[in-house]
Protein backbone atom coordinates (compact mmCIF):
# COMPACT_ATOMS: atom_id res chain seq x y z
CA MET A 1 42.30 17.62 15.89
CA GLU A 2 39.40 18.47 18.80
CA ARG A 3 36.85 19.51 16.08
CA PHE A 4 37.63 16.75 13.79
CA GLY A 5 36.90 14.12 16.59
CA LEU A 6 33.76 16.02 17.62
CA THR A 7 32.58 15.68 13.67
CA MET A 8 33.58 12.28 13.84
CA LEU A 9 31.32 11.66 16.99
CA VAL A 10 28.13 13.13 15.35
CA VAL A 11 28.97 11.15 12.36
CA ALA A 12 28.97 7.96 14.60
CA LEU A 13 25.92 9.12 15.96
CA PHE A 14 24.30 9.79 13.02
CA ALA A 15 25.42 6.32 11.55
CA LEU A 16 24.09 4.26 14.90
CA LEU A 17 20.43 5.89 14.52
CA VAL A 18 20.16 4.93 10.95
CA LEU A 19 21.38 1.73 11.53
CA ALA A 20 18.83 1.10 14.47
CA MET A 21 16.03 2.38 11.85
CA TRP A 22 17.28 0.26 9.56
CA ARG A 23 17.32 -3.05 12.40
CA GLY A 24 13.73 -1.82 13.69
CA TRP A 25 12.28 -1.83 9.55
CA ARG A 26 13.89 -5.04 9.33
CA ARG A 27 12.40 -6.40 12.49
CA GLN A 28 8.90 -5.62 11.66
CA ALA A 29 8.74 -6.64 8.13
CA LEU A 30 10.31 -10.36 10.06
CA ASP A 31 7.30 -10.24 12.34
CA GLN A 32 4.55 -9.23 9.82
CA SER A 33 5.97 -11.82 7.44
CA LEU A 34 4.70 -14.49 9.79
CA ALA A 35 1.18 -12.29 10.31
CA TYR A 36 0.49 -12.09 6.49
CA ASP A 37 0.05 -13.88 3.95
CA PRO A 38 2.17 -13.29 0.81
CA PHE A 39 0.80 -10.82 -1.36
CA PRO A 40 -1.08 -12.33 -4.45
CA GLU A 41 1.29 -12.65 -8.09
CA ILE A 42 -0.25 -11.00 -10.74
CA PRO A 43 -2.15 -13.82 -13.15
CA ALA A 44 -0.29 -14.11 -16.05
CA ASP A 45 -3.29 -14.50 -18.43
CA LEU A 46 -5.65 -11.57 -17.75
CA PRO A 47 -7.89 -10.59 -20.61
CA GLU A 48 -7.63 -6.92 -21.36
CA ALA A 49 -8.50 -4.27 -18.82
CA GLU A 50 -11.85 -2.85 -17.80
CA LEU A 51 -11.35 0.45 -16.78
CA ASP A 52 -8.41 3.10 -18.20
CA ALA A 53 -5.11 2.24 -16.05
CA ALA A 54 -5.24 5.01 -13.44
CA SER A 55 -1.45 6.50 -12.73
CA GLY A 56 -0.22 7.99 -9.21
CA ILE A 57 1.16 7.10 -6.14
CA TYR A 58 0.73 3.98 -4.43
CA VAL A 59 1.13 5.07 -0.41
CA ALA A 60 0.86 1.95 1.49
CA THR A 61 -0.63 -1.12 2.48
CA THR A 62 -2.37 -1.20 6.15
CA LYS A 63 -3.91 -3.34 8.45
CA ALA A 64 -7.74 -2.22 8.04
CA GLY A 65 -8.71 0.36 9.70
CA ARG A 66 -5.73 0.98 11.50
CA TRP A 67 -4.42 3.88 9.05
CA GLN A 68 -0.80 4.23 10.78
CA GLU A 69 -0.01 0.46 10.78
CA ARG A 70 2.18 0.11 7.81
CA ILE A 71 2.61 -3.12 6.32
CA VAL A 72 6.48 -3.17 5.28
CA THR A 73 6.79 -7.29 4.69
CA ARG A 74 7.53 -8.35 0.90
CA GLY A 75 8.60 -5.06 0.26
CA VAL A 76 4.93 -3.03 -0.13
CA GLY A 77 6.64 -0.88 2.38
CA MET A 78 7.69 1.85 0.10
CA ARG A 79 5.75 4.30 -1.28
CA GLY A 80 6.01 5.23 -4.63
CA PRO A 81 4.92 5.33 -8.39
CA ALA A 82 2.24 3.27 -9.53
CA THR A 83 -0.27 2.49 -11.67
CA LEU A 84 -4.02 0.42 -10.76
CA ARG A 85 -5.58 -1.34 -13.65
CA ARG A 86 -8.40 -2.97 -13.06
CA TYR A 87 -10.02 -6.45 -14.86
CA GLN A 88 -12.55 -8.79 -14.26
CA ALA A 89 -10.64 -11.13 -12.00
CA GLY A 90 -9.57 -7.86 -9.75
CA VAL A 91 -6.96 -5.23 -9.77
CA VAL A 92 -3.23 -4.85 -10.46
CA VAL A 93 -1.04 -2.88 -8.24
CA GLU A 94 1.41 -2.18 -11.33
CA ARG A 95 4.50 -0.29 -8.70
CA HIS A 96 7.09 1.50 -11.07
CA GLY A 97 10.93 0.03 -9.24
CA ALA A 98 9.28 -1.96 -6.70
CA LYS A 99 7.71 -5.26 -7.12
CA SER A 100 3.62 -5.23 -7.97
CA PHE A 101 0.66 -7.33 -6.28
CA PHE A 102 -2.86 -8.31 -7.36
CA ILE A 103 -5.65 -7.82 -5.36
CA PRO A 104 -8.34 -10.51 -6.20
CA ALA A 105 -11.84 -9.39 -7.06
CA GLU A 106 -13.53 -12.04 -4.62
CA SER A 107 -11.49 -10.15 -1.72
CA ILE A 108 -12.52 -7.12 -2.03
CA ILE A 109 -14.33 -6.05 1.10
CA THR A 110 -15.19 -1.96 0.07
CA VAL A 111 -13.69 0.87 -1.86
CA LYS A 112 -13.79 4.48 -0.39
CA THR A 113 -12.09 7.46 -0.70
CA GLY A 114 -9.54 8.30 3.02
CA LYS A 115 -8.25 11.35 4.07
CA ALA A 116 -4.81 9.62 5.66
CA MET A 117 -2.65 6.49 5.45
CA ALA A 118 0.44 5.72 7.16
CA GLY A 119 2.31 9.29 7.04
CA LYS A 120 0.18 10.46 3.95
CA VAL A 121 -2.12 13.21 5.01
CA MET A 122 -4.25 15.28 3.18
CA GLY A 123 -6.92 17.70 4.07
CA THR A 124 -9.65 16.06 1.28
CA ASP A 125 -10.77 12.42 0.76
CA GLY A 126 -7.32 12.54 -1.83
CA LEU A 127 -7.28 8.84 -1.51
CA LEU A 128 -8.71 5.85 -2.82
CA VAL A 129 -9.06 3.43 -0.05
CA ILE A 130 -9.06 -0.33 -1.06
CA THR A 131 -9.96 -2.61 1.97
CA TRP A 132 -9.84 -6.49 1.16
CA GLN A 133 -8.83 -9.72 2.80
CA LEU A 134 -5.48 -11.63 2.77
CA GLY A 135 -5.52 -14.68 4.15
CA GLU A 136 -7.08 -14.16 7.78
CA ALA A 137 -6.59 -10.69 7.85
CA GLN A 138 -7.98 -7.70 6.40
CA VAL A 139 -5.95 -4.95 4.72
CA ASP A 140 -6.24 -1.15 3.08
CA THR A 141 -4.30 -0.82 0.34
CA GLY A 142 -4.07 3.27 -0.17
CA PHE A 143 -3.69 4.78 -3.62
CA ARG A 144 -3.44 8.52 -4.35
CA GLY A 145 -4.60 8.70 -7.90
CA ASP A 146 -2.99 11.99 -10.56
CA GLY A 147 -6.37 13.10 -10.69
CA SER A 148 -8.97 12.62 -7.76
CA SER A 149 -11.84 13.19 -10.68
CA VAL A 150 -11.53 9.02 -11.21
CA TYR A 151 -12.54 7.49 -7.74
CA GLY A 152 -15.55 7.65 -8.82
CA ARG A 153 -15.21 5.32 -11.55
CA TRP A 154 -13.00 3.15 -9.79
CA ILE A 155 -15.71 2.88 -6.82
CA GLU A 156 -18.23 2.27 -8.66
CA SER A 157 -16.41 -0.26 -10.82
CA LEU A 158 -15.10 -2.63 -7.49
CA ALA A 159 -18.20 -1.98 -5.78
CA LYS A 160 -19.91 -4.02 -8.33
CA HIS A 161 -17.61 -6.38 -7.62
CA SER A 162 -16.96 -6.25 -4.22
CA SER A 163 -18.10 -8.72 -1.20
CA SER A 164 -19.64 -8.01 1.93
CA LYS A 165 -17.36 -9.41 4.00
CA GLY A 166 -17.05 -6.95 6.89
CA ASP A 167 -18.20 -3.24 7.43
CA ASP A 168 -17.42 -0.21 5.84
CA GLN A 169 -14.51 1.13 7.99
């Protein structure tokens, strides 16, 4: 009986910790929903893609220049499989199993490679990082491609259309 009581105590403590983490995540999402505009919806009338799609992992969207400040509001906080598609109008971040979003071409500030973003750290420049304007805020969206050889084409293609708002981060 004593062992059962200790087991239940450990289970209860674990459940309380999980509940506290869940409530913290929800609170952060609520606070950020006031600070950040909604992510743009994917336009219905996009023509054919300009660049071959890049498959890989959507890592995160963070406050620009602050690679550990993950934005979790409106479902964009979870890492997962994704495909990037380049159109004249912008970039579609097609997330598999989660809500996809659109980065308008006129909102793109810079495109570069990076080493770290929101808990994902690599020894080399293994991330494609798109810095863009979301309402009043600048944000970084990170993507880890299945092969980093496509990053050069993506950077070149997006740099042609990026605006000159802001500095290189």
